[in-house]
C-alpha cells in the first residue's frame, strides 16, 4: 500500500473518530476504486494494532492510579 493511500485512510479514520464525518467520507471515497484485499488486511491490521496500543495505555494508566491510591492509603 502506498503512503498516500494509507495516510488518507488514517486521517479519515481519525476524523471519523472525532466526529468530522464529511472529511472522513471524502478520504474513504478516494480509496474505493483502489481497494484490494491486501489493503483491507493492512488497514485492519493497523487499526487492531492501534486498538492494542490504546488498550495497553489504558491499562498502564489504571495501574498507575491503583499504585498511587495504594501508596497514599486510598486503596482500602
PDB file of N, CA and C in Angstrom:
ATOM      1  N   UNK A   1       0.856  -1.173   0.000  1.00  0.00           N
ATOM      2  CA  UNK A   1       0.000   0.000   0.000  1.00  0.00           C
ATOM      3  C   UNK A   1       0.903   1.237   0.000  1.00  0.00           C
ATOM      4  N   UNK A   2       0.542   2.203  -0.847  1.00  0.00           N
ATOM      5  CA  UNK A   2       1.365   3.407  -0.897  1.00  0.00           C
ATOM      6  C   UNK A   2       1.053   4.314   0.296  1.00  0.00           C
ATOM      7  N   UNK A   3       1.992   5.158   0.610  1.00  0.00           N
ATOM      8  CA  UNK A   3       1.908   6.010   1.797  1.00  0.00           C
ATOM      9  C   UNK A   3       0.726   6.972   1.712  1.00  0.00           C
ATOM     10  N   UNK A   4       0.482   7.532   0.536  1.00  0.00           N
ATOM     11  CA  UNK A   4      -0.613   8.498   0.391  1.00  0.00           C
ATOM     12  C   UNK A   4      -1.966   7.858   0.711  1.00  0.00           C
ATOM     13  N   UNK A   5      -2.176   6.639   0.213  1.00  0.00           N
ATOM     14  CA  UNK A   5      -3.439   5.943   0.476  1.00  0.00           C
ATOM     15  C   UNK A   5      -3.586   5.637   1.958  1.00  0.00           C
ATOM     16  N   UNK A   6      -2.513   5.142   2.570  1.00  0.00           N
ATOM     17  CA  UNK A   6      -2.561   4.810   3.986  1.00  0.00           C
ATOM     18  C   UNK A   6      -2.835   6.056   4.828  1.00  0.00           C
ATOM     19  N   UNK A   7      -2.122   7.145   4.540  1.00  0.00           N
ATOM     20  CA  UNK A   7      -2.311   8.381   5.306  1.00  0.00           C
ATOM     21  C   UNK A   7      -3.713   8.942   5.108  1.00  0.00           C
ATOM     22  N   UNK A   8      -4.222   8.836   3.882  1.00  0.00           N
ATOM     23  CA  UNK A   8      -5.566   9.317   3.602  1.00  0.00           C
ATOM     24  C   UNK A   8      -6.584   8.537   4.427  1.00  0.00           C
ATOM     25  N   UNK A   9      -6.434   7.214   4.449  1.00  0.00           N
ATOM     26  CA  UNK A   9      -7.361   6.397   5.229  1.00  0.00           C
ATOM     27  C   UNK A   9      -7.207   6.683   6.716  1.00  0.00           C
ATOM     28  N   UNK A  10      -5.973   6.781   7.176  1.00  0.00           N
ATOM     29  CA  UNK A  10      -5.724   7.020   8.595  1.00  0.00           C
ATOM     30  C   UNK A  10      -6.313   8.352   9.039  1.00  0.00           C
ATOM     31  N   UNK A  11      -6.116   9.396   8.238  1.00  0.00           N
ATOM     32  CA  UNK A  11      -6.713  10.692   8.561  1.00  0.00           C
ATOM     33  C   UNK A  11      -8.235  10.600   8.571  1.00  0.00           C
ATOM     34  N   UNK A  12      -8.783   9.882   7.600  1.00  0.00           N
ATOM     35  CA  UNK A  12     -10.232   9.698   7.563  1.00  0.00           C
ATOM     36  C   UNK A  12     -10.741   8.982   8.800  1.00  0.00           C
ATOM     37  N   UNK A  13     -10.016   7.951   9.228  1.00  0.00           N
ATOM     38  CA  UNK A  13     -10.430   7.199  10.411  1.00  0.00           C
ATOM     39  C   UNK A  13     -10.348   8.075  11.657  1.00  0.00           C
ATOM     40  N   UNK A  14      -9.265   8.849  11.780  1.00  0.00           N
ATOM     41  CA  UNK A  14      -9.107   9.733  12.940  1.00  0.00           C
ATOM     42  C   UNK A  14     -10.223  10.771  12.971  1.00  0.00           C
ATOM     43  N   UNK A  15     -10.490  11.382  11.820  1.00  0.00           N
ATOM     44  CA  UNK A  15     -11.532  12.405  11.773  1.00  0.00           C
ATOM     45  C   UNK A  15     -12.903  11.794  12.067  1.00  0.00           C
ATOM     46  N   UNK A  16     -13.134  10.560  11.608  1.00  0.00           N
ATOM     47  CA  UNK A  16     -14.409   9.897  11.902  1.00  0.00           C
ATOM     48  C   UNK A  16     -14.550   9.662  13.400  1.00  0.00           C
ATOM     49  N   UNK A  17     -13.458   9.294  14.042  1.00  0.00           N
ATOM     50  CA  UNK A  17     -13.497   9.066  15.485  1.00  0.00           C
ATOM     51  C   UNK A  17     -13.817  10.346  16.242  1.00  0.00           C
ATOM     52  N   UNK A  18     -13.419  11.476  15.689  1.00  0.00           N
ATOM     53  CA  UNK A  18     -13.649  12.744  16.364  1.00  0.00           C
ATOM     54  C   UNK A  18     -14.831  13.506  15.798  1.00  0.00           C
ATOM     55  N   UNK A  19     -15.638  12.863  14.963  1.00  0.00           N
ATOM     56  CA  UNK A  19     -16.903  13.446  14.550  1.00  0.00           C
ATOM     57  C   UNK A  19     -16.922  14.245  13.266  1.00  0.00           C
ATOM     58  N   UNK A  20     -15.836  14.338  12.535  1.00  0.00           N
ATOM     59  CA  UNK A  20     -15.847  15.111  11.298  1.00  0.00           C
ATOM     60  C   UNK A  20     -16.127  14.161  10.139  1.00  0.00           C
ATOM     61  N   UNK A  21     -17.392  13.806   9.983  1.00  0.00           N
ATOM     62  CA  UNK A  21     -17.778  12.771   9.031  1.00  0.00           C
ATOM     63  C   UNK A  21     -17.608  13.185   7.575  1.00  0.00           C
ATOM     64  N   UNK A  22     -17.798  14.449   7.248  1.00  0.00           N
ATOM     65  CA  UNK A  22     -17.687  14.876   5.851  1.00  0.00           C
ATOM     66  C   UNK A  22     -16.263  14.635   5.346  1.00  0.00           C
ATOM     67  N   UNK A  23     -15.282  15.024   6.143  1.00  0.00           N
ATOM     68  CA  UNK A  23     -13.888  14.823   5.760  1.00  0.00           C
ATOM     69  C   UNK A  23     -13.571  13.334   5.664  1.00  0.00           C
ATOM     70  N   UNK A  24     -14.067  12.559   6.623  1.00  0.00           N
ATOM     71  CA  UNK A  24     -13.820  11.122   6.622  1.00  0.00           C
ATOM     72  C   UNK A  24     -14.422  10.472   5.385  1.00  0.00           C
ATOM     73  N   UNK A  25     -15.645  10.846   5.034  1.00  0.00           N
ATOM     74  CA  UNK A  25     -16.284  10.274   3.851  1.00  0.00           C
ATOM     75  C   UNK A  25     -15.500  10.609   2.594  1.00  0.00           C
ATOM     76  N   UNK A  26     -14.968  11.817   2.510  1.00  0.00           N
ATOM     77  CA  UNK A  26     -14.162  12.220   1.353  1.00  0.00           C
ATOM     78  C   UNK A  26     -12.912  11.344   1.244  1.00  0.00           C
ATOM     79  N   UNK A  27     -12.224  11.136   2.361  1.00  0.00           N
ATOM     80  CA  UNK A  27     -10.993  10.342   2.335  1.00  0.00           C
ATOM     81  C   UNK A  27     -11.274   8.892   1.969  1.00  0.00           C
ATOM     82  N   UNK A  28     -12.318   8.324   2.551  1.00  0.00           N
ATOM     83  CA  UNK A  28     -12.641   6.927   2.280  1.00  0.00           C
ATOM     84  C   UNK A  28     -13.148   6.769   0.848  1.00  0.00           C
ATOM     85  N   UNK A  29     -13.915   7.737   0.340  1.00  0.00           N
ATOM     86  CA  UNK A  29     -14.412   7.671  -1.032  1.00  0.00           C
ATOM     87  C   UNK A  29     -13.261   7.664  -2.034  1.00  0.00           C
ATOM     88  N   UNK A  30     -12.169   8.339  -1.729  1.00  0.00           N
ATOM     89  CA  UNK A  30     -10.998   8.331  -2.613  1.00  0.00           C
ATOM     90  C   UNK A  30     -10.392   6.941  -2.709  1.00  0.00           C
ATOM     91  N   UNK A  31     -10.578   6.118  -1.689  1.00  0.00           N
ATOM     92  CA  UNK A  31      -9.960   4.792  -1.669  1.00  0.00           C
ATOM     93  C   UNK A  31     -10.761   3.741  -2.420  1.00  0.00           C
ATOM     94  N   UNK A  32     -12.067   3.926  -2.549  1.00  0.00           N
ATOM     95  CA  UNK A  32     -12.929   2.868  -3.076  1.00  0.00           C
ATOM     96  C   UNK A  32     -12.431   2.277  -4.395  1.00  0.00           C
ATOM     97  N   UNK A  33     -12.015   3.084  -5.379  1.00  0.00           N
ATOM     98  CA  UNK A  33     -11.559   2.473  -6.636  1.00  0.00           C
ATOM     99  C   UNK A  33     -10.263   1.675  -6.505  1.00  0.00           C
ATOM    100  N   UNK A  34      -9.488   1.908  -5.461  1.00  0.00           N
ATOM    101  CA  UNK A  34      -8.172   1.269  -5.356  1.00  0.00           C
ATOM    102  C   UNK A  34      -8.095   0.219  -4.253  1.00  0.00           C
ATOM    103  N   UNK A  35      -9.211  -0.110  -3.622  1.00  0.00           N
ATOM    104  CA  UNK A  35      -9.173  -1.057  -2.504  1.00  0.00           C
ATOM    105  C   UNK A  35      -8.926  -2.474  -3.020  1.00  0.00           C
ATOM    106  N   UNK A  36      -7.988  -3.157  -2.388  1.00  0.00           N
ATOM    107  CA  UNK A  36      -7.721  -4.565  -2.667  1.00  0.00           C
ATOM    108  C   UNK A  36      -7.776  -5.311  -1.335  1.00  0.00           C
ATOM    109  N   UNK A  37      -7.790  -6.625  -1.427  1.00  0.00           N
ATOM    110  CA  UNK A  37      -7.818  -7.440  -0.212  1.00  0.00           C
ATOM    111  C   UNK A  37      -6.589  -7.147   0.651  1.00  0.00           C
ATOM    112  N   UNK A  38      -5.436  -6.964   0.006  1.00  0.00           N
ATOM    113  CA  UNK A  38      -4.210  -6.682   0.756  1.00  0.00           C
ATOM    114  C   UNK A  38      -4.316  -5.356   1.501  1.00  0.00           C
ATOM    115  N   UNK A  39      -4.899  -4.342   0.851  1.00  0.00           N
ATOM    116  CA  UNK A  39      -5.050  -3.040   1.502  1.00  0.00           C
ATOM    117  C   UNK A  39      -6.003  -3.131   2.683  1.00  0.00           C
ATOM    118  N   UNK A  40      -7.098  -3.862   2.507  1.00  0.00           N
ATOM    119  CA  UNK A  40      -8.053  -4.029   3.606  1.00  0.00           C
ATOM    120  C   UNK A  40      -7.375  -4.740   4.773  1.00  0.00           C
ATOM    121  N   UNK A  41      -6.615  -5.794   4.475  1.00  0.00           N
ATOM    122  CA  UNK A  41      -5.916  -6.530   5.534  1.00  0.00           C
ATOM    123  C   UNK A  41      -4.909  -5.634   6.252  1.00  0.00           C
ATOM    124  N   UNK A  42      -4.165  -4.833   5.489  1.00  0.00           N
ATOM    125  CA  UNK A  42      -3.176  -3.941   6.101  1.00  0.00           C
ATOM    126  C   UNK A  42      -3.857  -2.885   6.966  1.00  0.00           C
ATOM    127  N   UNK A  43      -4.966  -2.340   6.485  1.00  0.00           N
ATOM    128  CA  UNK A  43      -5.675  -1.320   7.254  1.00  0.00           C
ATOM    129  C   UNK A  43      -6.271  -1.900   8.529  1.00  0.00           C
ATOM    130  N   UNK A  44      -6.845  -3.106   8.427  1.00  0.00           N
ATOM    131  CA  UNK A  44      -7.386  -3.754   9.625  1.00  0.00           C
ATOM    132  C   UNK A  44      -6.273  -4.058  10.623  1.00  0.00           C
ATOM    133  N   UNK A  45      -5.137  -4.498  10.106  1.00  0.00           N
ATOM    134  CA  UNK A  45      -4.004  -4.788  10.977  1.00  0.00           C
ATOM    135  C   UNK A  45      -3.548  -3.529  11.710  1.00  0.00           C
ATOM    136  N   UNK A  46      -3.436  -2.422  10.977  1.00  0.00           N
ATOM    137  CA  UNK A  46      -3.026  -1.161  11.605  1.00  0.00           C
ATOM    138  C   UNK A  46      -4.052  -0.711  12.633  1.00  0.00           C
ATOM    139  N   UNK A  47      -5.334  -0.883  12.302  1.00  0.00           N
ATOM    140  CA  UNK A  47      -6.392  -0.489  13.229  1.00  0.00           C
ATOM    141  C   UNK A  47      -6.320  -1.324  14.505  1.00  0.00           C
ATOM    142  N   UNK A  48      -6.141  -2.643  14.352  1.00  0.00           N
ATOM    143  CA  UNK A  48      -6.059  -3.515  15.524  1.00  0.00           C
ATOM    144  C   UNK A  48      -4.828  -3.198  16.368  1.00  0.00           C
ATOM    145  N   UNK A  49      -3.710  -2.900  15.710  1.00  0.00           N
ATOM    146  CA  UNK A  49      -2.512  -2.512  16.468  1.00  0.00           C
ATOM    147  C   UNK A  49      -2.773  -1.227  17.247  1.00  0.00           C
ATOM    148  N   UNK A  50      -3.470  -0.287  16.630  1.00  0.00           N
ATOM    149  CA  UNK A  50      -3.823   0.950  17.328  1.00  0.00           C
ATOM    150  C   UNK A  50      -4.711   0.691  18.526  1.00  0.00           C
ATOM    151  N   UNK A  51      -5.677  -0.233  18.360  1.00  0.00           N
ATOM    152  CA  UNK A  51      -6.545  -0.581  19.485  1.00  0.00           C
ATOM    153  C   UNK A  51      -5.749  -1.230  20.607  1.00  0.00           C
ATOM    154  N   UNK A  52      -4.817  -2.111  20.248  1.00  0.00           N
ATOM    155  CA  UNK A  52      -3.994  -2.759  21.268  1.00  0.00           C
ATOM    156  C   UNK A  52      -3.147  -1.745  22.020  1.00  0.00           C
ATOM    157  N   UNK A  53      -2.558  -0.797  21.294  1.00  0.00           N
ATOM    158  CA  UNK A  53      -1.741   0.229  21.946  1.00  0.00           C
ATOM    159  C   UNK A  53      -2.593   1.052  22.900  1.00  0.00           C
ATOM    160  N   UNK A  54      -3.788   1.481  22.461  1.00  0.00           N
ATOM    161  CA  UNK A  54      -4.629   2.294  23.341  1.00  0.00           C
ATOM    162  C   UNK A  54      -5.098   1.483  24.545  1.00  0.00           C
ATOM    163  N   UNK A  55      -5.341   0.178  24.345  1.00  0.00           N
ATOM    164  CA  UNK A  55      -5.731  -0.692  25.458  1.00  0.00           C
ATOM    165  C   UNK A  55      -4.587  -0.806  26.461  1.00  0.00           C
ATOM    166  N   UNK A  56      -3.366  -0.991  25.959  1.00  0.00           N
ATOM    167  CA  UNK A  56      -2.206  -1.093  26.849  1.00  0.00           C
ATOM    168  C   UNK A  56      -1.982   0.214  27.605  1.00  0.00           C
ATOM    169  N   UNK A  57      -2.156   1.345  26.924  1.00  0.00           N
ATOM    170  CA  UNK A  57      -2.008   2.638  27.600  1.00  0.00           C
ATOM    171  C   UNK A  57      -3.069   2.812  28.680  1.00  0.00           C
ATOM    172  N   UNK A  58      -4.287   2.364  28.399  1.00  0.00           N
ATOM    173  CA  UNK A  58      -5.349   2.455  29.404  1.00  0.00           C
ATOM    174  C   UNK A  58      -5.015   1.587  30.611  1.00  0.00           C
ATOM    175  N   UNK A  59      -4.475   0.384  30.359  1.00  0.00           N
ATOM    176  CA  UNK A  59      -4.091  -0.484  31.473  1.00  0.00           C
ATOM    177  C   UNK A  59      -2.986   0.157  32.299  1.00  0.00           C
ATOM    178  N   UNK A  60      -1.998   0.749  31.626  1.00  0.00           N
ATOM    179  CA  UNK A  60      -0.915   1.410  32.358  1.00  0.00           C
ATOM    180  C   UNK A  60      -1.441   2.567  33.195  1.00  0.00           C
ATOM    181  N   UNK A  61      -2.368   3.317  32.646  1.00  0.00           N
ATOM    182  CA  UNK A  61      -2.953   4.436  33.381  1.00  0.00           C
ATOM    183  C   UNK A  61      -3.696   3.934  34.612  1.00  0.00           C
ATOM    184  N   UNK A  62      -4.462   2.857  34.445  1.00  0.00           N
ATOM    185  CA  UNK A  62      -5.204   2.281  35.565  1.00  0.00           C
ATOM    186  C   UNK A  62      -4.246   1.749  36.627  1.00  0.00           C
ATOM    187  N   UNK A  63      -3.204   1.042  36.183  1.00  0.00           N
ATOM    188  CA  UNK A  63      -2.220   0.528  37.139  1.00  0.00           C
ATOM    189  C   UNK A  63      -1.533   1.663  37.885  1.00  0.00           C
ATOM    190  N   UNK A  64      -1.247   2.739  37.180  1.00  0.00           N
ATOM    191  CA  UNK A  64      -0.627   3.908  37.802  1.00  0.00           C
ATOM    192  C   UNK A  64      -1.547   4.487  38.876  1.00  0.00           C
ATOM    193  N   UNK A  65      -2.835   4.611  38.558  1.00  0.00           N
ATOM    194  CA  UNK A  65      -3.796   5.128  39.540  1.00  0.00           C
ATOM    195  C   UNK A  65      -3.888   4.209  40.749  1.00  0.00           C
ATOM    196  N   UNK A  66      -3.966   2.890  40.496  1.00  0.00           N
ATOM    197  CA  UNK A  66      -4.055   1.935  41.603  1.00  0.00           C
ATOM    198  C   UNK A  66      -2.806   2.004  42.485  1.00  0.00           C
ATOM    199  N   UNK A  67      -1.643   2.132  41.858  1.00  0.00           N
ATOM    200  CA  UNK A  67      -0.396   2.217  42.615  1.00  0.00           C
ATOM    201  C   UNK A  67      -0.404   3.430  43.539  1.00  0.00           C
ATOM    202  N   UNK A  68      -0.761   4.585  42.992  1.00  0.00           N
ATOM    203  CA  UNK A  68      -0.736   5.799  43.812  1.00  0.00           C
ATOM    204  C   UNK A  68      -1.851   5.803  44.853  1.00  0.00           C
ATOM    205  N   UNK A  69      -3.017   5.211  44.531  1.00  0.00           N
ATOM    206  CA  UNK A  69      -4.080   5.102  45.531  1.00  0.00           C
ATOM    207  C   UNK A  69      -3.626   4.227  46.690  1.00  0.00           C
ATOM    208  N   UNK A  70      -2.963   3.110  46.378  1.00  0.00           N
ATOM    209  CA  UNK A  70      -2.478   2.203  47.417  1.00  0.00           C
ATOM    210  C   UNK A  70      -1.358   2.865  48.218  1.00  0.00           C
ATOM    211  N   UNK A  71      -0.475   3.546  47.522  1.00  0.00           N
ATOM    212  CA  UNK A  71       0.656   4.209  48.179  1.00  0.00           C
ATOM    213  C   UNK A  71       0.169   5.283  49.149  1.00  0.00           C
ATOM    214  N   UNK A  72      -0.909   5.969  48.788  1.00  0.00           N
ATOM    215  CA  UNK A  72      -1.434   7.037  49.634  1.00  0.00           C
ATOM    216  C   UNK A  72      -2.485   6.533  50.628  1.00  0.00           C
ATOM    217  N   UNK A  73      -2.741   5.228  50.634  1.00  0.00           N
ATOM    218  CA  UNK A  73      -3.679   4.661  51.589  1.00  0.00           C
ATOM    219  C   UNK A  73      -5.138   4.764  51.187  1.00  0.00           C
ATOM    220  N   UNK A  74      -5.409   5.115  49.925  1.00  0.00           N
ATOM    221  CA  UNK A  74      -6.804   5.226  49.488  1.00  0.00           C
ATOM    222  C   UNK A  74      -7.311   3.938  48.859  1.00  0.00           C
ATOM    223  N   UNK A  75      -6.458   2.933  48.753  1.00  0.00           N
ATOM    224  CA  UNK A  75      -6.836   1.702  48.070  1.00  0.00           C
ATOM    225  C   UNK A  75      -7.711   0.779  48.891  1.00  0.00           C
ATOM    226  N   UNK A  76      -7.749   0.936  50.199  1.00  0.00           N
ATOM    227  CA  UNK A  76      -8.512   0.004  51.043  1.00  0.00           C
ATOM    228  C   UNK A  76      -9.772   0.602  51.535  1.00  0.00           C
TER     229      UNK A  76
END
